[in-house]
Amino acid sequence: MSLPVPFTVAVVQAAPVFFDKKKTLEKMASLTRDAAKQKAQLILFPEVYIPGYPRGLIFGTTVGGRTPEGRDLFLRYWENAIEVPGPETEVLAKLAKETKAYLVTGVTEKDKVSDTLYCTLLYFSPEGQLIQKHRKLKPTAAERILWGEGDGRDLNLINTPLGKIGGLICWENYMPLARMALYQQGIEIYLAPTADCRDSWQATLAHVACEGRCFVLGCNQYLTHEHYPDDLRALLSTAHPSLPSTGGSVIISPLGKILTGPLHGKEGILTAELDHRDIIKAKMDFDVIGHYARPDVFDFKFKLHEFK
C-alpha cells in the first residue's frame, strides 16, 4: 500500500458575520481563497460558522419558561440557518471546486421536513460535490434549546486521496465510543471544529491525536462583543462572561506534537504539511484498533450508513 504524498491543510479561525448567512458566505469565500493560495488541499472552518455560534445568548429561556422575545430571536437564528442541500451548499460546493480543495465547515442546518435545527458538519470535495454531513450527536447544556440530536448514522469516514478523513464536533470528542467509531474505521485526518477555547480543550485534542495516532485539526471561531450586531450585543448575558472566545485553533501530529498554533486573540489561517509516514511511525508502539486492542475482551459495534 502506497502512502499519500505530503500535503498542506489549513484551519480558518475567524468570526462569522453574525446571524447573517449571506455575508458569512461571502467572508468564507474570501478566506477559502486565501487558504488555497497557501496550497491547502483541505480547509476547515469552525463549528456552526454559518450563521455563528450564539455564545452568551439565552433566547429568553429559564427553567420552565420562555419569552415571546426569545422565540423571535430563535426565529431570526432559524431564518439564517441553511437547508442541506440548498442554495448555500451549492455556493460552498462551487467554492470547493474553484479552490480544488476539500472544504469542511460547521453550519446550523435547518431540516426540510421538521424545521428542527441541527449543529452539522458539511464536507465538500474538490470536484464540487457535497460528499458527507454529520449532525452533532449531543448538543451540550443550553445548546439543546437550539439544536436537535443527530441519529449517529453519519459517523462514516471519507476515503480520499489525502487519506481517511472524518471528525466530531466540539464536546462529541469527549464521548469515548464516538471516538472509537472513528478509530475503528482507521481515521487518519481527524477534524474537531469547536466553540471551546479553554486550555482543557487543547489537552483533549492532544489526547485524541495520541489515542487515535492520527493528525488532529482543531478549529474555533474568534469572537468578541464587537462582532455582534448592536441589538444582539445588548442581549448578552453579563452574569456569565462567555466572551471573548479567544480561538485556540491548532494542528497536532499523531504523537501529540503541535505542528502549528494554538492561535489566540485574533483571526488567522494556520497551515501545516501532513506526512502519512508520521502515522505509521506513531503506530509502532500504540495502535488503538490493532496490536494494542483486545477484541477478545472488548466488543464494540456500530452500523455504517452510506451518505446520500
Protein backbone atom coordinates (compact mmCIF):
# COMPACT_ATOMS: atom_id res chain seq x y z
CA MET A 1 0.00 0.00 0.00
CA SER A 2 1.48 3.32 -1.07
CA LEU A 3 1.08 6.33 1.20
CA PRO A 4 -0.27 9.70 0.05
CA VAL A 5 2.41 12.26 -0.68
CA PRO A 6 2.73 15.04 1.93
CA PHE A 7 0.13 17.77 1.54
CA THR A 8 -0.94 21.03 3.17
CA VAL A 9 -4.02 21.56 5.34
CA ALA A 10 -5.49 24.77 6.74
CA VAL A 11 -7.71 25.71 9.67
CA VAL A 12 -9.51 29.05 9.46
CA GLN A 13 -10.03 30.92 12.73
CA ALA A 14 -12.41 33.79 12.11
CA ALA A 15 -15.64 35.38 13.25
CA PRO A 16 -18.74 35.00 11.08
CA VAL A 17 -20.91 37.92 10.09
CA PHE A 18 -23.16 37.14 13.00
CA PHE A 19 -26.71 35.94 12.22
CA ASP A 20 -26.20 36.79 8.52
CA LYS A 21 -25.70 33.72 6.34
CA LYS A 22 -25.31 35.69 3.10
CA LYS A 23 -22.49 37.90 4.35
CA THR A 24 -20.88 34.99 6.19
CA LEU A 25 -20.77 33.02 2.94
CA GLU A 26 -19.07 35.98 1.27
CA LYS A 27 -16.47 36.11 4.04
CA MET A 28 -15.97 32.33 3.78
CA ALA A 29 -15.28 32.64 0.07
CA SER A 30 -12.54 35.20 0.67
CA LEU A 31 -10.95 33.17 3.47
CA THR A 32 -11.13 29.93 1.49
CA ARG A 33 -9.34 31.56 -1.44
CA ASP A 34 -6.70 32.89 0.96
CA ALA A 35 -6.14 29.37 2.31
CA ALA A 36 -5.96 27.94 -1.20
CA LYS A 37 -3.25 30.48 -2.08
CA GLN A 38 -1.21 28.77 0.65
CA LYS A 39 -1.67 25.49 -1.28
CA ALA A 40 -4.08 23.98 1.24
CA GLN A 41 -5.81 20.87 -0.09
CA LEU A 42 -8.06 20.54 2.98
CA ILE A 43 -9.62 23.63 4.55
CA LEU A 44 -11.54 23.50 7.84
CA PHE A 45 -13.87 26.15 9.29
CA PRO A 46 -15.25 26.20 12.87
CA GLU A 47 -18.40 24.78 14.45
CA VAL A 48 -21.62 26.44 13.14
CA TYR A 49 -19.64 29.08 11.26
CA ILE A 50 -22.88 29.72 9.41
CA PRO A 51 -24.62 31.72 10.93
CA GLY A 52 -22.39 31.80 14.02
CA TYR A 53 -22.20 30.20 17.45
CA PRO A 54 -24.57 32.32 19.59
CA ARG A 55 -22.28 32.49 22.60
CA GLY A 56 -23.75 34.36 25.57
CA LEU A 57 -27.35 34.49 24.29
CA ILE A 58 -30.09 32.75 26.29
CA PHE A 59 -33.04 33.10 23.86
CA GLY A 60 -35.38 34.23 26.64
CA THR A 61 -35.27 30.92 28.47
CA THR A 62 -35.35 29.89 32.10
CA VAL A 63 -36.15 26.50 33.58
CA GLY A 64 -39.88 26.18 32.96
CA GLY A 65 -40.25 29.40 30.98
CA ARG A 66 -39.81 31.01 27.57
CA THR A 67 -40.47 34.57 26.43
CA PRO A 68 -42.02 35.87 23.18
CA GLU A 69 -38.84 37.88 22.58
CA GLY A 70 -36.77 34.72 22.89
CA ARG A 71 -38.95 32.97 20.33
CA ASP A 72 -38.47 35.93 17.98
CA LEU A 73 -34.71 35.62 18.38
CA PHE A 74 -34.90 31.88 17.70
CA LEU A 75 -36.86 32.65 14.52
CA ARG A 76 -34.13 35.04 13.43
CA TYR A 77 -31.49 32.37 14.01
CA TRP A 78 -33.64 29.79 12.20
CA GLU A 79 -34.04 32.11 9.20
CA ASN A 80 -30.25 32.31 8.90
CA ALA A 81 -29.74 28.56 9.18
CA ILE A 82 -29.32 26.65 5.92
CA GLU A 83 -31.01 23.69 4.27
CA VAL A 84 -28.83 20.76 3.20
CA PRO A 85 -28.73 20.54 0.28
CA GLY A 86 -29.79 24.04 -0.62
CA PRO A 87 -28.66 27.29 -2.23
CA GLU A 88 -25.88 27.85 0.30
CA THR A 89 -24.43 24.37 -0.11
CA GLU A 90 -24.34 24.96 -3.87
CA VAL A 91 -22.22 28.06 -3.24
CA LEU A 92 -19.88 26.10 -0.97
CA ALA A 93 -19.59 23.25 -3.46
CA LYS A 94 -18.61 25.66 -6.23
CA LEU A 95 -16.07 27.25 -3.87
CA ALA A 96 -14.50 23.85 -3.15
CA LYS A 97 -14.27 23.17 -6.89
CA GLU A 98 -12.81 26.60 -7.60
CA THR A 99 -10.08 26.17 -4.98
CA LYS A 100 -9.52 22.46 -5.75
CA ALA A 101 -9.69 21.63 -2.05
CA TYR A 102 -11.73 19.58 0.37
CA LEU A 103 -13.80 22.22 2.17
CA VAL A 104 -15.30 21.35 5.56
CA THR A 105 -17.41 23.70 7.66
CA GLY A 106 -19.80 23.73 10.56
CA VAL A 107 -23.30 25.08 9.93
CA THR A 108 -26.63 25.30 11.62
CA GLU A 109 -28.76 23.06 9.44
CA LYS A 110 -32.49 23.56 9.02
CA ASP A 111 -34.29 20.25 8.49
CA LYS A 112 -36.51 20.49 5.43
CA VAL A 113 -39.31 18.35 6.90
CA SER A 114 -39.40 19.02 10.63
CA ASP A 115 -37.88 22.56 10.76
CA THR A 116 -35.68 21.37 13.64
CA LEU A 117 -32.17 22.85 13.68
CA TYR A 118 -29.01 20.74 13.90
CA CYS A 119 -25.38 21.52 14.57
CA THR A 120 -23.91 19.97 11.41
CA LEU A 121 -20.54 19.45 9.77
CA LEU A 122 -20.51 19.53 5.94
CA TYR A 123 -17.84 18.08 3.63
CA PHE A 124 -17.32 19.21 0.03
CA SER A 125 -14.96 17.61 -2.48
CA PRO A 126 -12.54 19.34 -4.89
CA GLU A 127 -14.89 18.17 -7.63
CA GLY A 128 -17.61 20.40 -6.21
CA GLN A 129 -19.80 17.79 -4.55
CA LEU A 130 -21.37 17.64 -1.09
CA ILE A 131 -19.96 14.27 -0.02
CA GLN A 132 -20.83 13.99 3.67
CA LYS A 133 -22.68 15.63 6.52
CA HIS A 134 -22.58 14.83 10.22
CA ARG A 135 -25.11 16.02 12.77
CA LYS A 136 -23.86 16.55 16.32
CA LEU A 137 -24.93 13.61 18.47
CA LYS A 138 -25.46 15.52 21.72
CA PRO A 139 -25.70 19.30 21.98
CA THR A 140 -24.23 20.49 25.27
CA ALA A 141 -26.17 22.27 28.03
CA ALA A 142 -28.09 25.32 26.69
CA GLU A 143 -27.24 24.32 23.10
CA ARG A 144 -30.18 21.90 23.43
CA ILE A 145 -32.54 24.88 23.22
CA LEU A 146 -31.37 25.39 19.64
CA TRP A 147 -30.32 22.06 18.17
CA GLY A 148 -31.74 18.59 17.95
CA GLU A 149 -29.68 15.41 18.35
CA GLY A 150 -28.08 13.62 15.43
CA ASP A 151 -29.01 9.96 14.99
CA GLY A 152 -25.46 8.60 14.61
CA ARG A 153 -25.97 7.26 11.09
CA ASP A 154 -23.35 9.64 9.71
CA LEU A 155 -20.17 8.64 11.53
CA ASN A 156 -18.58 7.10 8.45
CA LEU A 157 -15.23 8.36 7.20
CA ILE A 158 -14.46 9.67 3.73
CA ASN A 159 -11.83 7.81 1.76
CA THR A 160 -9.87 10.40 -0.21
CA PRO A 161 -6.51 10.66 -1.97
CA LEU A 162 -5.39 12.56 1.14
CA GLY A 163 -6.33 9.68 3.44
CA LYS A 164 -9.31 8.75 5.59
CA ILE A 165 -11.00 11.94 6.81
CA GLY A 166 -13.71 12.37 9.44
CA GLY A 167 -14.43 14.09 12.70
CA LEU A 168 -16.63 15.07 15.61
CA ILE A 169 -17.99 18.43 16.70
CA CYS A 170 -16.84 20.06 19.95
CA TRP A 171 -17.79 18.03 23.04
CA GLU A 172 -18.71 14.98 20.99
CA ASN A 173 -14.97 14.45 21.25
CA TYR A 174 -15.46 13.75 24.96
CA MET A 175 -17.61 10.73 24.04
CA PRO A 176 -15.23 7.71 24.07
CA LEU A 177 -17.46 5.49 21.96
CA ALA A 178 -17.96 8.18 19.33
CA ARG A 179 -14.19 8.46 19.03
CA MET A 180 -13.90 4.68 18.86
CA ALA A 181 -16.38 4.63 15.96
CA LEU A 182 -13.90 6.76 14.02
CA TYR A 183 -10.83 4.84 15.18
CA GLN A 184 -12.34 1.53 14.11
CA GLN A 185 -12.56 2.84 10.55
CA GLY A 186 -8.89 3.79 10.55
CA ILE A 187 -9.20 7.57 10.70
CA GLU A 188 -6.06 9.42 9.62
CA ILE A 189 -7.12 13.08 9.49
CA TYR A 190 -9.37 13.87 12.44
CA LEU A 191 -11.37 17.14 12.27
CA ALA A 192 -12.52 18.76 15.51
CA PRO A 193 -14.34 22.06 14.93
CA THR A 194 -15.40 23.57 18.23
CA ALA A 195 -16.60 26.54 20.26
CA ASP A 196 -14.28 25.73 23.21
CA CYS A 197 -11.25 27.97 23.70
CA ARG A 198 -10.05 26.70 27.09
CA ASP A 199 -6.72 25.08 27.92
CA SER A 200 -8.54 21.86 28.77
CA TRP A 201 -9.66 21.65 25.14
CA GLN A 202 -6.06 21.75 23.96
CA ALA A 203 -5.35 18.78 26.21
CA THR A 204 -8.30 16.93 24.67
CA LEU A 205 -7.05 17.47 21.12
CA ALA A 206 -3.56 16.28 22.04
CA HIS A 207 -5.06 13.20 23.70
CA VAL A 208 -7.18 12.39 20.63
CA ALA A 209 -4.11 12.64 18.39
CA CYS A 210 -2.12 10.30 20.65
CA GLU A 211 -5.04 7.91 21.19
CA GLY A 212 -6.00 7.67 17.53
CA ARG A 213 -2.47 8.01 16.14
CA CYS A 214 -3.91 10.50 13.67
CA PHE A 215 -3.48 14.10 12.68
CA VAL A 216 -5.95 16.37 14.52
CA LEU A 217 -7.20 19.71 13.18
CA GLY A 218 -8.85 21.84 15.85
CA CYS A 219 -10.72 24.92 14.63
CA ASN A 220 -12.59 27.59 16.60
CA GLN A 221 -14.18 30.97 15.99
CA TYR A 222 -12.54 34.13 17.26
CA LEU A 223 -15.43 36.13 18.70
CA THR A 224 -15.77 39.34 20.71
CA HIS A 225 -18.65 41.59 21.74
CA GLU A 226 -17.85 43.80 18.76
CA HIS A 227 -18.73 41.02 16.32
CA TYR A 228 -22.39 41.08 17.44
CA PRO A 229 -24.96 43.44 15.90
CA ASP A 230 -25.87 46.23 18.31
CA ASP A 231 -29.28 44.82 19.19
CA LEU A 232 -27.85 41.37 19.99
CA ARG A 233 -24.94 42.81 21.93
CA ALA A 234 -27.47 44.37 24.28
CA LEU A 235 -28.91 40.91 25.00
CA LEU A 236 -25.65 39.29 26.01
CA SER A 237 -25.73 37.88 29.48
CA THR A 238 -23.46 39.71 31.91
CA ALA A 239 -23.88 37.03 34.56
CA HIS A 240 -21.76 34.55 32.59
CA PRO A 241 -18.67 36.07 30.94
CA SER A 242 -18.53 33.78 27.92
CA LEU A 243 -16.83 36.35 25.68
CA PRO A 244 -14.41 36.78 24.16
CA SER A 245 -13.90 33.43 22.51
CA THR A 246 -10.15 33.68 22.05
CA GLY A 247 -9.88 30.89 19.48
CA GLY A 248 -7.22 28.26 20.08
CA SER A 249 -7.17 26.68 16.61
CA VAL A 250 -4.33 24.19 16.28
CA ILE A 251 -2.93 21.32 14.17
CA ILE A 252 -1.42 18.33 16.02
CA SER A 253 0.67 15.35 14.92
CA PRO A 254 -0.11 11.64 15.59
CA LEU A 255 2.28 11.76 18.56
CA GLY A 256 0.55 14.77 20.09
CA LYS A 257 3.12 17.31 18.93
CA ILE A 258 1.78 20.73 17.98
CA LEU A 259 2.59 21.44 14.35
CA THR A 260 1.13 24.96 14.37
CA GLY A 261 -0.83 27.05 16.85
CA PRO A 262 -2.68 27.35 19.07
CA LEU A 263 -3.78 30.72 17.74
CA HIS A 264 -5.37 33.03 20.32
CA GLY A 265 -6.73 36.55 20.31
CA LYS A 266 -7.09 37.19 16.60
CA GLU A 267 -8.34 35.87 13.28
CA GLY A 268 -5.96 33.90 11.12
CA ILE A 269 -5.29 30.89 8.93
CA LEU A 270 -3.00 28.15 10.22
CA THR A 271 -1.39 25.72 7.80
CA ALA A 272 0.75 22.63 8.19
CA GLU A 273 2.16 19.92 5.96
CA LEU A 274 0.95 16.43 6.84
CA ASP A 275 3.05 13.35 6.09
CA HIS A 276 1.35 9.95 6.41
CA ARG A 277 4.66 8.37 7.33
CA ASP A 278 4.25 10.04 10.72
CA ILE A 279 1.09 7.98 11.30
CA ILE A 280 2.93 4.71 10.61
CA LYS A 281 5.84 5.66 12.86
CA ALA A 282 3.44 6.60 15.65
CA LYS A 283 1.71 3.21 15.48
CA MET A 284 4.91 1.33 16.24
CA ASP A 285 4.14 1.32 19.96
CA PHE A 286 0.37 2.01 20.04
CA ASP A 287 -2.49 1.19 17.69
CA VAL A 288 -5.91 1.53 19.27
CA ILE A 289 -7.56 -0.85 16.79
CA GLY A 290 -4.51 -3.02 16.07
CA HIS A 291 -1.79 -4.50 18.25
CA TYR A 292 -2.90 -2.54 21.33
CA ALA A 293 -6.53 -3.65 21.05
CA ARG A 294 -8.10 -6.54 22.97
CA PRO A 295 -11.06 -7.73 20.87
CA ASP A 296 -11.15 -10.88 22.99
CA VAL A 297 -12.10 -8.69 25.98
CA PHE A 298 -13.96 -5.74 24.47
CA ASP A 299 -16.67 -5.78 21.83
CA PHE A 300 -17.88 -2.56 20.21
CA LYS A 301 -20.05 -2.39 17.12
CA PHE A 302 -21.91 0.31 15.24
CA LYS A 303 -23.71 0.47 11.91
CA LEU A 304 -22.32 2.43 8.99
CA HIS A 305 -24.70 4.13 6.59
CA GLU A 306 -23.84 5.43 3.15
CA PHE A 307 -24.28 9.18 2.70
CA LYS A 308 -26.99 10.03 0.17
